[in-house]
Structures are given as C-alpha cells and as structure tokens.
Amino acid sequence: MKSKEAWQKYLENHLQFPFEAEIVDDPGPLKVGDIIKVTAIEGVFDLYGIVVKARMGRKQYSFPICLLEPVEKESKNYQLVDEYNFWFCNQ
C-alpha cells in the first residue's frame, strides 16, 4: 500500500466527521480564512494528496486537506490533520 493511501485509510478511521475547518491557502473559488464544513474523505490524488468533501452554505466542494486547518485547535481532528499536512509537505 502506498503512503498516501495508508494515510487516507488512517484518516477515514480516525477523523470525526463532520468538522469545521479554515482555509489556509487559496487554490480556487474559496478564500483564505473561509470556514467550511468537512463531511468526508473523497479520495487520494497524486498532485493534491488527500481530498475531502466539504460544504460552505449550500455549495459543495472538493478540497485538498493539506490546505485546511480544523477550527477546534484542541481537537483530535486538529492533531491528525496537522500530522498529515506535515508529512505531505515534507514527502
């Protein structure tokens, strides 16, 4: 199993959905500082790593988790996303 797929399986089993996250980088229609509700993991892509399904208002988005930071800094989700993002940025 490849590392990205292993991370996907691990996060699917340990993240608690849904959770709110802040956008920390701007790759598209959403802006830095926007808050979205992450609802599930969509899949793994070579360029973007793990991509999640998210909502903002009534609109649904697919968004790389490496560009997100969970709002609740004391949560298990924050720690898990932070650890994945560290790994992804340094691979």
N, C-alpha and C. Protein backbone atom coordinates (compact mmCIF):
# COMPACT_ATOMS: atom_id res chain seq x y z
N MET A 1 0.85 -1.18 0.00
CA MET A 1 0.00 0.00 0.00
C MET A 1 0.89 1.24 0.00
N LYS A 2 0.55 2.20 -0.83
CA LYS A 2 1.32 3.44 -0.90
C LYS A 2 1.05 4.30 0.32
N SER A 3 1.97 5.20 0.62
CA SER A 3 1.85 6.05 1.81
C SER A 3 0.60 6.90 1.80
N LYS A 4 0.26 7.51 0.65
CA LYS A 4 -0.94 8.36 0.60
C LYS A 4 -2.20 7.55 0.88
N GLU A 5 -2.27 6.35 0.32
CA GLU A 5 -3.43 5.50 0.56
C GLU A 5 -3.49 5.05 2.02
N ALA A 6 -2.33 4.81 2.62
CA ALA A 6 -2.29 4.44 4.04
C ALA A 6 -2.79 5.60 4.89
N TRP A 7 -2.37 6.82 4.56
CA TRP A 7 -2.87 8.00 5.27
C TRP A 7 -4.38 8.13 5.10
N GLN A 8 -4.87 7.91 3.88
CA GLN A 8 -6.31 8.02 3.63
C GLN A 8 -7.07 7.06 4.54
N LYS A 9 -6.66 5.81 4.57
CA LYS A 9 -7.33 4.80 5.39
C LYS A 9 -7.26 5.19 6.87
N TYR A 10 -6.10 5.66 7.31
CA TYR A 10 -5.94 6.05 8.71
C TYR A 10 -6.87 7.21 9.06
N LEU A 11 -6.90 8.24 8.21
CA LEU A 11 -7.75 9.39 8.50
C LEU A 11 -9.23 9.03 8.41
N GLU A 12 -9.61 8.18 7.48
CA GLU A 12 -11.01 7.74 7.38
C GLU A 12 -11.45 7.05 8.67
N ASN A 13 -10.53 6.32 9.29
CA ASN A 13 -10.85 5.59 10.52
C ASN A 13 -10.76 6.42 11.79
N HIS A 14 -10.08 7.57 11.74
CA HIS A 14 -9.83 8.32 12.96
C HIS A 14 -10.41 9.73 13.01
N LEU A 15 -10.60 10.37 11.87
CA LEU A 15 -11.22 11.70 11.89
C LEU A 15 -12.69 11.57 12.27
N GLN A 16 -13.20 12.58 12.96
CA GLN A 16 -14.62 12.61 13.33
C GLN A 16 -15.31 13.62 12.42
N PHE A 17 -16.20 13.11 11.57
CA PHE A 17 -16.93 13.95 10.62
C PHE A 17 -18.33 14.22 11.13
N PRO A 18 -18.90 15.35 10.79
CA PRO A 18 -18.30 16.50 10.10
C PRO A 18 -17.50 17.34 11.09
N PHE A 19 -16.62 18.19 10.54
CA PHE A 19 -15.91 19.16 11.36
C PHE A 19 -15.66 20.42 10.55
N GLU A 20 -15.53 21.52 11.26
CA GLU A 20 -15.27 22.79 10.59
C GLU A 20 -13.78 23.00 10.43
N ALA A 21 -13.41 23.57 9.29
CA ALA A 21 -12.01 23.85 9.01
C ALA A 21 -11.88 25.20 8.32
N GLU A 22 -10.75 25.83 8.56
CA GLU A 22 -10.45 27.12 7.94
C GLU A 22 -9.52 26.88 6.75
N ILE A 23 -9.77 27.60 5.68
CA ILE A 23 -8.90 27.52 4.51
C ILE A 23 -7.66 28.36 4.79
N VAL A 24 -6.48 27.73 4.64
CA VAL A 24 -5.22 28.42 4.94
C VAL A 24 -4.40 28.72 3.70
N ASP A 25 -4.87 28.25 2.55
CA ASP A 25 -4.25 28.59 1.27
C ASP A 25 -5.35 28.65 0.23
N ASP A 26 -5.14 29.39 -0.84
CA ASP A 26 -6.21 29.73 -1.78
C ASP A 26 -5.98 29.14 -3.17
N PRO A 27 -6.49 27.92 -3.44
CA PRO A 27 -6.28 27.34 -4.75
C PRO A 27 -7.43 27.54 -5.73
N GLY A 28 -8.52 28.17 -5.30
CA GLY A 28 -9.66 28.23 -6.21
C GLY A 28 -10.75 29.18 -5.76
N PRO A 29 -11.99 28.71 -5.80
CA PRO A 29 -13.13 29.60 -5.58
C PRO A 29 -13.29 30.09 -4.14
N LEU A 30 -12.67 29.41 -3.19
CA LEU A 30 -12.77 29.82 -1.80
C LEU A 30 -11.55 30.65 -1.42
N LYS A 31 -11.70 31.45 -0.35
CA LYS A 31 -10.62 32.36 0.04
C LYS A 31 -10.00 31.95 1.37
N VAL A 32 -8.76 32.36 1.57
CA VAL A 32 -8.09 32.14 2.85
C VAL A 32 -8.96 32.77 3.94
N GLY A 33 -9.18 32.02 5.01
CA GLY A 33 -9.99 32.49 6.11
C GLY A 33 -11.43 31.99 6.07
N ASP A 34 -11.89 31.52 4.91
CA ASP A 34 -13.24 30.96 4.82
C ASP A 34 -13.33 29.72 5.70
N ILE A 35 -14.49 29.51 6.31
CA ILE A 35 -14.74 28.33 7.13
C ILE A 35 -15.67 27.40 6.35
N ILE A 36 -15.25 26.14 6.24
CA ILE A 36 -16.06 25.14 5.54
C ILE A 36 -16.34 23.98 6.49
N LYS A 37 -17.36 23.20 6.16
CA LYS A 37 -17.68 22.00 6.94
C LYS A 37 -17.20 20.79 6.14
N VAL A 38 -16.23 20.09 6.70
CA VAL A 38 -15.67 18.90 6.06
C VAL A 38 -16.58 17.72 6.40
N THR A 39 -17.05 17.01 5.36
CA THR A 39 -18.03 15.95 5.58
C THR A 39 -17.50 14.54 5.35
N ALA A 40 -16.46 14.39 4.55
CA ALA A 40 -15.94 13.05 4.25
C ALA A 40 -14.64 13.16 3.46
N ILE A 41 -13.93 12.06 3.39
CA ILE A 41 -12.76 11.99 2.51
C ILE A 41 -13.24 11.51 1.15
N GLU A 42 -12.85 12.23 0.12
CA GLU A 42 -13.25 11.88 -1.24
C GLU A 42 -12.29 10.90 -1.89
N GLY A 43 -10.99 11.11 -1.70
CA GLY A 43 -10.02 10.22 -2.32
C GLY A 43 -8.62 10.78 -2.25
N VAL A 44 -7.70 10.11 -2.94
CA VAL A 44 -6.30 10.49 -2.97
C VAL A 44 -5.90 10.79 -4.41
N PHE A 45 -5.18 11.89 -4.59
CA PHE A 45 -4.73 12.30 -5.91
C PHE A 45 -3.24 12.62 -5.82
N ASP A 46 -2.50 12.26 -6.87
CA ASP A 46 -1.05 12.44 -6.87
C ASP A 46 -0.64 13.87 -6.55
N LEU A 47 -1.24 14.83 -7.19
CA LEU A 47 -0.83 16.23 -7.03
C LEU A 47 -1.31 16.84 -5.72
N TYR A 48 -2.54 16.54 -5.32
CA TYR A 48 -3.15 17.21 -4.17
C TYR A 48 -3.16 16.39 -2.89
N GLY A 49 -2.79 15.14 -2.96
CA GLY A 49 -2.86 14.29 -1.78
C GLY A 49 -4.30 13.94 -1.46
N ILE A 50 -4.63 13.91 -0.18
CA ILE A 50 -5.98 13.56 0.24
C ILE A 50 -6.91 14.75 0.00
N VAL A 51 -8.02 14.46 -0.66
CA VAL A 51 -9.02 15.48 -0.96
C VAL A 51 -10.29 15.13 -0.19
N VAL A 52 -10.89 16.14 0.43
CA VAL A 52 -12.10 15.93 1.22
C VAL A 52 -13.30 16.55 0.54
N LYS A 53 -14.48 16.07 0.92
CA LYS A 53 -15.73 16.69 0.51
C LYS A 53 -16.07 17.71 1.58
N ALA A 54 -16.51 18.88 1.15
CA ALA A 54 -16.81 19.95 2.10
C ALA A 54 -17.99 20.77 1.60
N ARG A 55 -18.60 21.49 2.54
CA ARG A 55 -19.72 22.37 2.22
C ARG A 55 -19.46 23.75 2.79
N MET A 56 -19.93 24.74 2.05
CA MET A 56 -19.98 26.11 2.56
C MET A 56 -21.33 26.64 2.11
N GLY A 57 -22.20 26.84 3.08
CA GLY A 57 -23.57 27.17 2.72
C GLY A 57 -24.20 25.98 2.02
N ARG A 58 -24.82 26.23 0.88
CA ARG A 58 -25.44 25.14 0.12
C ARG A 58 -24.51 24.54 -0.93
N LYS A 59 -23.37 25.14 -1.12
CA LYS A 59 -22.45 24.67 -2.15
C LYS A 59 -21.54 23.58 -1.61
N GLN A 60 -21.25 22.60 -2.47
CA GLN A 60 -20.34 21.52 -2.12
C GLN A 60 -19.04 21.68 -2.89
N TYR A 61 -17.95 21.32 -2.24
CA TYR A 61 -16.63 21.46 -2.83
C TYR A 61 -15.81 20.20 -2.58
N SER A 62 -14.81 20.02 -3.40
CA SER A 62 -13.74 19.05 -3.16
C SER A 62 -12.51 19.89 -2.88
N PHE A 63 -11.80 19.56 -1.79
CA PHE A 63 -10.73 20.44 -1.35
C PHE A 63 -9.58 19.63 -0.77
N PRO A 64 -8.34 19.94 -1.14
CA PRO A 64 -7.19 19.23 -0.56
C PRO A 64 -7.10 19.51 0.95
N ILE A 65 -6.98 18.46 1.72
CA ILE A 65 -6.94 18.63 3.17
C ILE A 65 -5.66 19.35 3.61
N CYS A 66 -4.63 19.32 2.77
CA CYS A 66 -3.37 19.99 3.12
C CYS A 66 -3.52 21.51 3.12
N LEU A 67 -4.63 22.03 2.62
CA LEU A 67 -4.87 23.47 2.60
C LEU A 67 -5.88 23.89 3.67
N LEU A 68 -6.15 22.98 4.61
CA LEU A 68 -7.15 23.23 5.65
C LEU A 68 -6.53 23.11 7.04
N GLU A 69 -7.18 23.78 7.98
CA GLU A 69 -6.81 23.67 9.39
C GLU A 69 -8.10 23.60 10.19
N PRO A 70 -8.33 22.49 10.92
CA PRO A 70 -9.54 22.40 11.73
C PRO A 70 -9.66 23.59 12.69
N VAL A 71 -10.88 24.07 12.87
CA VAL A 71 -11.13 25.25 13.69
C VAL A 71 -10.84 24.96 15.16
N GLU A 72 -11.25 23.79 15.65
CA GLU A 72 -11.06 23.44 17.06
C GLU A 72 -9.62 22.97 17.26
N LYS A 73 -8.78 23.85 17.75
CA LYS A 73 -7.35 23.58 17.86
C LYS A 73 -7.01 22.51 18.91
N GLU A 74 -7.91 22.26 19.84
CA GLU A 74 -7.67 21.27 20.89
C GLU A 74 -8.23 19.90 20.51
N SER A 75 -8.78 19.76 19.33
CA SER A 75 -9.45 18.52 18.94
C SER A 75 -8.46 17.49 18.39
N LYS A 76 -8.90 16.24 18.42
CA LYS A 76 -8.13 15.15 17.81
C LYS A 76 -8.00 15.39 16.31
N ASN A 77 -9.06 15.92 15.69
CA ASN A 77 -9.02 16.20 14.25
C ASN A 77 -7.90 17.17 13.92
N TYR A 78 -7.71 18.19 14.75
CA TYR A 78 -6.64 19.17 14.50
C TYR A 78 -5.29 18.47 14.48
N GLN A 79 -5.05 17.63 15.46
CA GLN A 79 -3.77 16.92 15.54
C GLN A 79 -3.56 16.01 14.34
N LEU A 80 -4.60 15.27 13.96
CA LEU A 80 -4.48 14.34 12.82
C LEU A 80 -4.21 15.08 11.52
N VAL A 81 -4.95 16.15 11.27
CA VAL A 81 -4.76 16.91 10.03
C VAL A 81 -3.39 17.57 10.03
N ASP A 82 -2.97 18.09 11.18
CA ASP A 82 -1.65 18.72 11.29
C ASP A 82 -0.53 17.72 10.99
N GLU A 83 -0.65 16.51 11.53
CA GLU A 83 0.37 15.48 11.29
C GLU A 83 0.40 15.08 9.82
N TYR A 84 -0.78 14.91 9.21
CA TYR A 84 -0.82 14.58 7.78
C TYR A 84 -0.21 15.71 6.95
N ASN A 85 -0.58 16.94 7.25
CA ASN A 85 -0.07 18.08 6.49
C ASN A 85 1.45 18.20 6.59
N PHE A 86 1.99 17.94 7.77
CA PHE A 86 3.45 17.95 7.94
C PHE A 86 4.08 16.89 7.04
N TRP A 87 3.52 15.68 7.08
CA TRP A 87 4.04 14.60 6.23
C TRP A 87 3.93 14.97 4.75
N PHE A 88 2.76 15.45 4.33
CA PHE A 88 2.52 15.74 2.92
C PHE A 88 3.47 16.82 2.40
N CYS A 89 3.70 17.85 3.19
CA CYS A 89 4.57 18.95 2.76
C CYS A 89 6.04 18.56 2.73
N ASN A 90 6.40 17.49 3.43
CA ASN A 90 7.80 17.09 3.52
C ASN A 90 8.12 15.78 2.81
N GLN A 91 7.20 15.28 2.04
CA GLN A 91 7.46 14.00 1.35
C GLN A 91 8.36 14.17 0.15
